[in-house]
């Protein structure tokens, strides 16, 4: 069908109305790219699917696609052997949540219910529940990986924690000692940009070994 005929039939207006009902960016994209068909079998199939979809909506209510993400870019990177970040993995998990919801919606409520033209489409949906569970187990949020994501990560974080505790213990011991404690502005261990520091009085800067992290007119912070 040529462009002039589509304008006369106000086809763009119809597409705009249809696109407004789509609840995801990908659905809207599919709607915008729809073109009339002249294939009678394709037309009849489409009409049957529309009728069966309406029947399902009348019986079960609408299927929500809330939470779906556009993960096509992530899938392409995975296909070529690249890696994806935690935010992308969470987007994949969110999309799998929608897939599981759609799969459940597509199940017949009773064995004696007749199959319809949408049965095959729902059968193709694979929620990959094991993968979804692993993503949720390993990733807490977009910036935080769980300690139990892997044995190696758990071991590394345990070693970091033990090292930090030893450093803090040594610094606390220095604070309590007469040799160092009297030269400190405050008798406590402070943190500067993730580093343990001692607040040394400015006049004792040459008597306390360490790297100066920052300073003021009254005190400086050293890292030991």
Protein backbone atom coordinates (compact mmCIF):
# COMPACT_ATOMS: atom_id res chain seq x y z
CA UNK A 1 0.00 0.00 0.00
CA UNK A 2 1.48 3.34 -1.03
CA UNK A 3 1.99 6.34 1.21
CA UNK A 4 -0.86 8.34 -0.32
CA UNK A 5 -3.36 5.58 0.42
CA UNK A 6 -2.10 5.35 4.01
CA UNK A 7 -2.62 9.10 4.48
CA UNK A 8 -6.16 8.92 3.03
CA UNK A 9 -6.98 6.09 5.45
CA UNK A 10 -5.41 8.13 8.29
CA UNK A 11 -3.19 5.18 9.04
CA UNK A 12 -0.59 7.29 10.95
CA UNK A 13 -3.32 8.40 13.37
CA UNK A 14 -4.31 4.78 13.95
CA UNK A 15 -0.68 3.85 14.64
CA UNK A 16 -0.33 6.78 17.07
CA UNK A 17 -3.39 5.59 18.97
CA UNK A 18 -2.07 2.02 19.08
CA UNK A 19 1.39 3.17 20.20
CA UNK A 20 -0.18 5.05 23.09
CA UNK A 21 -1.45 1.75 24.53
CA UNK A 22 1.99 0.08 24.45
CA UNK A 23 3.58 0.01 27.92
CA UNK A 24 7.23 -0.46 26.98
CA UNK A 25 9.69 1.27 24.63
CA UNK A 26 10.08 -1.94 22.62
CA UNK A 27 6.31 -2.34 22.30
CA UNK A 28 5.97 1.24 21.12
CA UNK A 29 8.71 0.62 18.58
CA UNK A 30 6.89 -2.44 17.22
CA UNK A 31 3.68 -0.44 16.93
CA UNK A 32 5.35 2.41 15.05
CA UNK A 33 6.88 -0.04 12.54
CA UNK A 34 3.61 -1.85 11.77
CA UNK A 35 2.52 -1.81 8.13
CA UNK A 36 -0.70 -3.16 6.58
CA UNK A 37 -0.48 -6.68 5.17
CA UNK A 38 -1.93 -8.00 1.94
CA UNK A 39 -1.29 -11.63 2.86
CA UNK A 40 -4.73 -13.13 3.65
CA UNK A 41 -3.31 -15.89 5.87
CA UNK A 42 -1.29 -13.36 7.86
CA UNK A 43 -4.36 -11.15 8.22
CA UNK A 44 -6.54 -14.02 9.44
CA UNK A 45 -3.85 -15.11 11.90
CA UNK A 46 -3.59 -11.58 13.27
CA UNK A 47 -7.35 -11.31 13.68
CA UNK A 48 -7.46 -14.65 15.48
CA UNK A 49 -4.66 -13.63 17.87
CA UNK A 50 -6.40 -10.33 18.59
CA UNK A 51 -9.65 -12.12 19.34
CA UNK A 52 -7.93 -14.66 21.59
CA UNK A 53 -6.04 -11.91 23.39
CA UNK A 54 -9.30 -10.10 24.09
CA UNK A 55 -10.83 -13.32 25.43
CA UNK A 56 -7.88 -13.77 27.80
CA UNK A 57 -8.17 -10.17 28.99
CA UNK A 58 -11.86 -10.64 29.67
CA UNK A 59 -11.16 -13.80 31.70
CA UNK A 60 -7.90 -12.90 33.48
CA UNK A 61 -7.47 -9.15 33.20
CA UNK A 62 -4.62 -7.40 31.42
CA UNK A 63 -1.05 -8.67 31.47
CA UNK A 64 1.29 -6.10 33.06
CA UNK A 65 4.66 -5.47 31.42
CA UNK A 66 5.72 -3.09 34.20
CA UNK A 67 9.42 -3.38 34.95
CA UNK A 68 10.55 -4.57 31.54
CA UNK A 69 13.86 -3.11 30.33
CA UNK A 70 15.45 -2.78 26.91
CA UNK A 71 18.29 -5.30 27.25
CA UNK A 72 19.07 -5.72 23.55
CA UNK A 73 22.39 -3.90 23.84
CA UNK A 74 23.45 -6.09 26.76
CA UNK A 75 22.51 -9.26 24.89
CA UNK A 76 24.55 -8.18 21.86
CA UNK A 77 27.60 -7.59 24.05
CA UNK A 78 27.18 -10.99 25.67
CA UNK A 79 26.80 -12.60 22.25
CA UNK A 80 30.25 -11.35 21.16
CA UNK A 81 31.83 -12.42 24.45
CA UNK A 82 31.94 -9.01 26.09
CA UNK A 83 31.00 -8.30 29.70
CA UNK A 84 28.07 -6.42 31.22
CA UNK A 85 27.91 -4.36 34.38
CA UNK A 86 25.85 -4.89 37.49
CA UNK A 87 23.21 -2.37 36.42
CA UNK A 88 22.77 -4.26 33.14
CA UNK A 89 22.46 -7.57 34.97
CA UNK A 90 19.77 -6.11 37.19
CA UNK A 91 17.94 -4.92 34.05
CA UNK A 92 18.12 -8.47 32.71
CA UNK A 93 16.73 -9.78 36.01
CA UNK A 94 13.88 -7.24 35.88
CA UNK A 95 13.02 -8.36 32.35
CA UNK A 96 13.09 -12.00 33.45
CA UNK A 97 10.63 -11.08 36.21
CA UNK A 98 8.25 -9.85 33.51
CA UNK A 99 8.88 -13.01 31.49
CA UNK A 100 7.91 -15.13 34.49
CA UNK A 101 4.77 -13.07 34.98
CA UNK A 102 3.88 -13.49 31.30
CA UNK A 103 4.56 -17.23 31.46
CA UNK A 104 2.22 -17.60 34.44
CA UNK A 105 -0.43 -15.50 32.70
CA UNK A 106 -0.25 -17.72 29.62
CA UNK A 107 -0.92 -20.98 31.48
CA UNK A 108 -4.35 -22.50 31.09
CA UNK A 109 -6.25 -22.58 34.35
CA UNK A 110 -7.73 -26.01 33.68
CA UNK A 111 -6.67 -28.99 31.57
CA UNK A 112 -9.98 -29.01 29.77
CA UNK A 113 -9.56 -25.46 28.46
CA UNK A 114 -9.09 -25.27 24.72
CA UNK A 115 -5.82 -24.05 23.31
CA UNK A 116 -5.87 -20.78 21.43
CA UNK A 117 -3.66 -19.08 18.86
CA UNK A 118 -1.51 -17.49 21.60
CA UNK A 119 -0.55 -20.79 23.24
CA UNK A 120 2.56 -21.21 21.09
CA UNK A 121 3.73 -17.65 21.77
CA UNK A 122 3.50 -18.11 25.52
CA UNK A 123 5.27 -21.47 25.21
CA UNK A 124 8.30 -19.72 23.70
CA UNK A 125 8.80 -17.57 26.80
CA UNK A 126 11.60 -18.88 29.01
CA UNK A 127 11.92 -17.00 32.33
CA UNK A 128 15.37 -18.50 33.10
CA UNK A 129 14.48 -18.58 36.78
CA UNK A 130 17.84 -20.07 37.86
CA UNK A 131 19.73 -17.25 36.13
CA UNK A 132 17.42 -14.65 37.61
CA UNK A 133 17.92 -16.12 41.09
CA UNK A 134 21.71 -16.02 40.72
CA UNK A 135 21.67 -12.39 39.60
CA UNK A 136 19.49 -11.43 42.56
CA UNK A 137 21.67 -13.46 44.93
CA UNK A 138 24.96 -11.97 43.75
CA UNK A 139 24.02 -8.32 43.18
CA UNK A 140 22.60 -6.16 45.95
CA UNK A 141 22.24 -2.98 43.90
CA UNK A 142 23.85 -1.24 40.92
CA UNK A 143 27.03 -0.53 42.88
CA UNK A 144 27.22 -3.42 45.35
CA UNK A 145 28.20 -7.03 44.75
CA UNK A 146 27.26 -9.46 47.51
CA UNK A 147 30.09 -11.09 49.46
CA UNK A 148 28.78 -14.53 48.54
CA UNK A 149 28.79 -13.83 44.80
CA UNK A 150 31.81 -16.13 44.54
CA UNK A 151 34.17 -17.92 46.95
CA UNK A 152 37.09 -15.84 45.66
CA UNK A 153 35.31 -12.53 46.24
CA UNK A 154 34.25 -13.64 49.71
CA UNK A 155 37.84 -14.58 50.56
CA UNK A 156 39.24 -11.28 49.25
CA UNK A 157 36.73 -9.20 51.20
CA UNK A 158 37.41 -11.22 54.34
CA UNK A 159 41.15 -10.53 53.97
CA UNK A 160 40.46 -6.81 53.43
CA UNK A 161 38.31 -6.71 56.54
CA UNK A 162 40.96 -8.48 58.63
CA UNK A 163 43.67 -6.16 57.31
CA UNK A 164 41.60 -3.08 58.12
CA UNK A 165 40.96 -4.40 61.62
CA UNK A 166 44.71 -4.95 62.18
CA UNK A 167 45.52 -1.46 60.92
CA UNK A 168 42.87 0.11 63.14
CA UNK A 169 44.10 -1.92 66.13
CA UNK A 170 47.70 -0.78 65.58
CA UNK A 171 46.66 2.86 65.23
CA UNK A 172 44.48 2.63 68.34
CA UNK A 173 47.50 1.27 70.19
CA UNK A 174 49.58 4.22 68.99
CA UNK A 175 46.92 6.68 70.15
CA UNK A 176 46.97 5.21 73.64
CA UNK A 177 50.75 5.27 73.90
CA UNK A 178 52.47 8.15 75.71
CA UNK A 179 54.99 8.59 72.92
CA UNK A 180 52.40 9.34 70.23
CA UNK A 181 49.21 10.17 72.14
CA UNK A 182 50.55 13.43 73.57
CA UNK A 183 51.27 14.71 70.09
CA UNK A 184 47.72 14.23 68.79
CA UNK A 185 45.02 16.87 68.54
CA UNK A 186 42.39 14.23 69.37
CA UNK A 187 42.91 10.80 70.91
CA UNK A 188 41.09 8.94 68.18
CA UNK A 189 41.62 7.36 64.78
CA UNK A 190 39.95 9.29 61.97
CA UNK A 191 39.07 8.46 58.37
CA UNK A 192 40.02 10.55 55.34
CA UNK A 193 38.86 9.32 51.93
CA UNK A 194 38.79 5.73 53.12
CA UNK A 195 42.16 5.88 54.89
CA UNK A 196 42.89 5.58 58.58
CA UNK A 197 44.61 8.72 59.90
CA UNK A 198 45.94 10.20 63.13
CA UNK A 199 45.23 13.91 63.84
CA UNK A 200 48.74 15.11 64.73
CA UNK A 201 49.26 18.58 66.18
CA UNK A 202 50.97 20.79 63.62
CA UNK A 203 53.95 21.58 65.90
CA UNK A 204 54.78 17.85 66.13
CA UNK A 205 54.67 17.12 62.41
CA UNK A 206 58.39 16.35 62.25
CA UNK A 207 58.23 13.99 65.21
CA UNK A 208 55.56 11.64 63.91
CA UNK A 209 56.44 9.54 60.91
CA UNK A 210 53.86 9.08 58.21
CA UNK A 211 52.40 10.50 55.04
CA UNK A 212 50.52 13.80 55.38
CA UNK A 213 47.03 13.32 54.01
CA UNK A 214 45.65 16.82 54.71
CA UNK A 215 46.36 19.63 57.11
CA UNK A 216 45.09 22.84 58.69
CA UNK A 217 46.71 25.59 60.73
CA UNK A 218 46.21 23.56 63.90
CA UNK A 219 46.68 19.97 62.89
CA UNK A 220 47.57 17.58 60.11
CA UNK A 221 46.44 14.05 59.36
CA UNK A 222 49.05 11.42 58.72
CA UNK A 223 48.66 7.93 57.37
CA UNK A 224 50.82 5.21 58.88
